[in-house]
């Protein structure tokens, strides 16, 4: 039963990280597009921001999936997601037809932040219990 639980837990963590792995891959494959995205959001200089975003998406996801500083990877993606959400999903600035889907995106991303905070909290609890 322990093995089944471990597999389910890892699949759940993979699903939580899936958008970041896919986003990092897409940005790495189309670095010019990643630079354009950074420029769109006013991040300068755009190339270092694009590279840092790719490193964050891959690095933090790998921390979560391997368990190596899982809590740190989860906190990093929580902060990254919160900042990106307030930058990219400003639904309150949009007219009504576009506001509803943007609000849905905003709150879905807040749900991801909550999921990452739970992963970090759970990992830190497990580490404390193992060292006690």
Protein backbone atom coordinates (compact mmCIF):
# COMPACT_ATOMS: atom_id res chain seq x y z
CA UNK A 1 0.00 0.00 0.00
CA UNK A 2 2.90 2.36 0.74
CA UNK A 3 4.12 2.08 -2.86
CA UNK A 4 0.66 2.88 -4.26
CA UNK A 5 0.44 5.94 -2.01
CA UNK A 6 3.90 7.06 -3.10
CA UNK A 7 2.96 6.76 -6.76
CA UNK A 8 -0.29 8.68 -6.27
CA UNK A 9 1.57 11.40 -4.36
CA UNK A 10 4.21 11.71 -7.09
CA UNK A 11 1.57 11.85 -9.85
CA UNK A 12 -0.28 14.57 -7.89
CA UNK A 13 2.96 16.56 -7.60
CA UNK A 14 3.63 16.04 -11.32
CA UNK A 15 0.16 17.36 -12.16
CA UNK A 16 0.74 20.38 -9.91
CA UNK A 17 4.01 21.09 -11.76
CA UNK A 18 2.79 20.20 -15.27
CA UNK A 19 2.09 23.77 -16.43
CA UNK A 20 5.54 24.90 -15.24
CA UNK A 21 7.35 22.03 -16.97
CA UNK A 22 5.41 22.68 -20.16
CA UNK A 23 5.93 26.45 -19.87
CA UNK A 24 9.65 26.08 -19.25
CA UNK A 25 9.97 23.71 -22.21
CA UNK A 26 8.02 26.02 -24.53
CA UNK A 27 10.11 29.03 -23.49
CA UNK A 28 13.36 27.09 -23.92
CA UNK A 29 12.37 25.87 -27.39
CA UNK A 30 11.14 29.34 -28.45
CA UNK A 31 13.46 31.66 -26.55
CA UNK A 32 12.59 34.57 -28.87
CA UNK A 33 8.94 34.08 -27.91
CA UNK A 34 9.92 34.01 -24.23
CA UNK A 35 11.76 37.30 -24.68
CA UNK A 36 8.71 38.78 -26.42
CA UNK A 37 6.54 37.64 -23.50
CA UNK A 38 8.85 39.38 -21.00
CA UNK A 39 8.75 42.55 -23.12
CA UNK A 40 4.94 42.35 -23.24
CA UNK A 41 4.84 42.46 -19.44
CA UNK A 42 7.42 45.26 -19.25
CA UNK A 43 10.23 43.18 -17.75
CA UNK A 44 13.62 44.56 -18.70
CA UNK A 45 16.09 43.39 -19.67
CA UNK A 46 13.88 40.70 -21.18
CA UNK A 47 16.47 37.99 -22.00
CA UNK A 48 17.70 37.53 -18.40
CA UNK A 49 14.10 37.50 -17.16
CA UNK A 50 13.22 34.85 -19.75
CA UNK A 51 16.23 32.73 -18.76
CA UNK A 52 15.42 33.12 -15.06
CA UNK A 53 11.80 32.13 -15.70
CA UNK A 54 12.88 28.98 -17.54
CA UNK A 55 15.31 28.10 -14.73
CA UNK A 56 12.61 28.74 -12.10
CA UNK A 57 9.98 26.65 -13.86
CA UNK A 58 12.30 23.69 -14.41
CA UNK A 59 14.39 23.96 -11.25
CA UNK A 60 11.57 24.39 -8.75
CA UNK A 61 9.51 21.66 -10.45
CA UNK A 62 12.45 19.26 -10.25
CA UNK A 63 12.91 20.07 -6.55
CA UNK A 64 9.26 19.24 -5.95
CA UNK A 65 9.32 16.03 -8.00
CA UNK A 66 12.58 14.66 -6.62
CA UNK A 67 11.97 15.72 -3.02
CA UNK A 68 15.30 17.61 -2.93
CA UNK A 69 14.38 20.75 -1.00
CA UNK A 70 10.76 20.15 -2.01
CA UNK A 71 9.57 22.83 0.41
CA UNK A 72 11.86 25.41 -1.21
CA UNK A 73 10.76 24.54 -4.75
CA UNK A 74 7.13 24.74 -3.67
CA UNK A 75 7.62 28.13 -2.00
CA UNK A 76 9.49 29.41 -5.05
CA UNK A 77 6.66 28.40 -7.39
CA UNK A 78 4.08 29.83 -4.97
CA UNK A 79 5.80 33.24 -4.98
CA UNK A 80 6.48 33.10 -8.73
CA UNK A 81 2.86 32.19 -9.48
CA UNK A 82 1.47 34.88 -7.19
CA UNK A 83 3.65 37.56 -8.79
CA UNK A 84 2.89 36.38 -12.33
CA UNK A 85 -0.84 36.23 -11.57
CA UNK A 86 -0.96 39.83 -10.40
CA UNK A 87 1.07 40.83 -13.45
CA UNK A 88 -0.77 38.88 -16.14
CA UNK A 89 -4.36 38.33 -14.94
CA UNK A 90 -5.46 41.80 -13.88
CA UNK A 91 -9.14 41.05 -14.43
CA UNK A 92 -10.28 44.15 -12.56
CA UNK A 93 -8.86 46.33 -15.35
CA UNK A 94 -10.80 44.59 -18.13
CA UNK A 95 -14.23 45.35 -19.56
CA UNK A 96 -17.00 42.93 -18.62
CA UNK A 97 -16.87 40.48 -21.53
CA UNK A 98 -13.18 39.73 -20.92
CA UNK A 99 -13.30 40.14 -17.14
CA UNK A 100 -14.98 36.80 -16.34
CA UNK A 101 -12.43 34.46 -17.99
CA UNK A 102 -9.55 36.58 -16.66
CA UNK A 103 -11.04 36.42 -13.15
CA UNK A 104 -11.34 32.63 -13.49
CA UNK A 105 -7.67 32.44 -14.50
CA UNK A 106 -6.69 34.70 -11.59
CA UNK A 107 -8.46 32.56 -9.00
CA UNK A 108 -7.30 29.28 -10.55
CA UNK A 109 -3.74 30.52 -10.16
CA UNK A 110 -4.44 31.46 -6.54
CA UNK A 111 -5.49 27.82 -6.14
CA UNK A 112 -2.10 26.74 -7.48
CA UNK A 113 -0.42 29.05 -4.96
CA UNK A 114 -2.43 27.36 -2.21
CA UNK A 115 -1.43 23.94 -3.49
CA UNK A 116 2.25 24.86 -3.47
CA UNK A 117 1.96 26.28 0.05
CA UNK A 118 0.40 22.99 1.19
CA UNK A 119 3.25 21.03 -0.43
CA UNK A 120 5.83 23.21 1.35
CA UNK A 121 4.03 22.95 4.70
CA UNK A 122 3.63 19.19 4.42
CA UNK A 123 7.27 18.67 3.42
CA UNK A 124 8.54 20.79 6.32
CA UNK A 125 6.29 18.86 8.73
CA UNK A 126 7.63 15.56 7.42
CA UNK A 127 11.23 16.77 7.80
CA UNK A 128 10.63 17.89 11.39
CA UNK A 129 8.96 14.60 12.27
CA UNK A 130 11.82 12.60 10.73
CA UNK A 131 14.45 14.55 12.67
CA UNK A 132 12.60 14.31 16.00
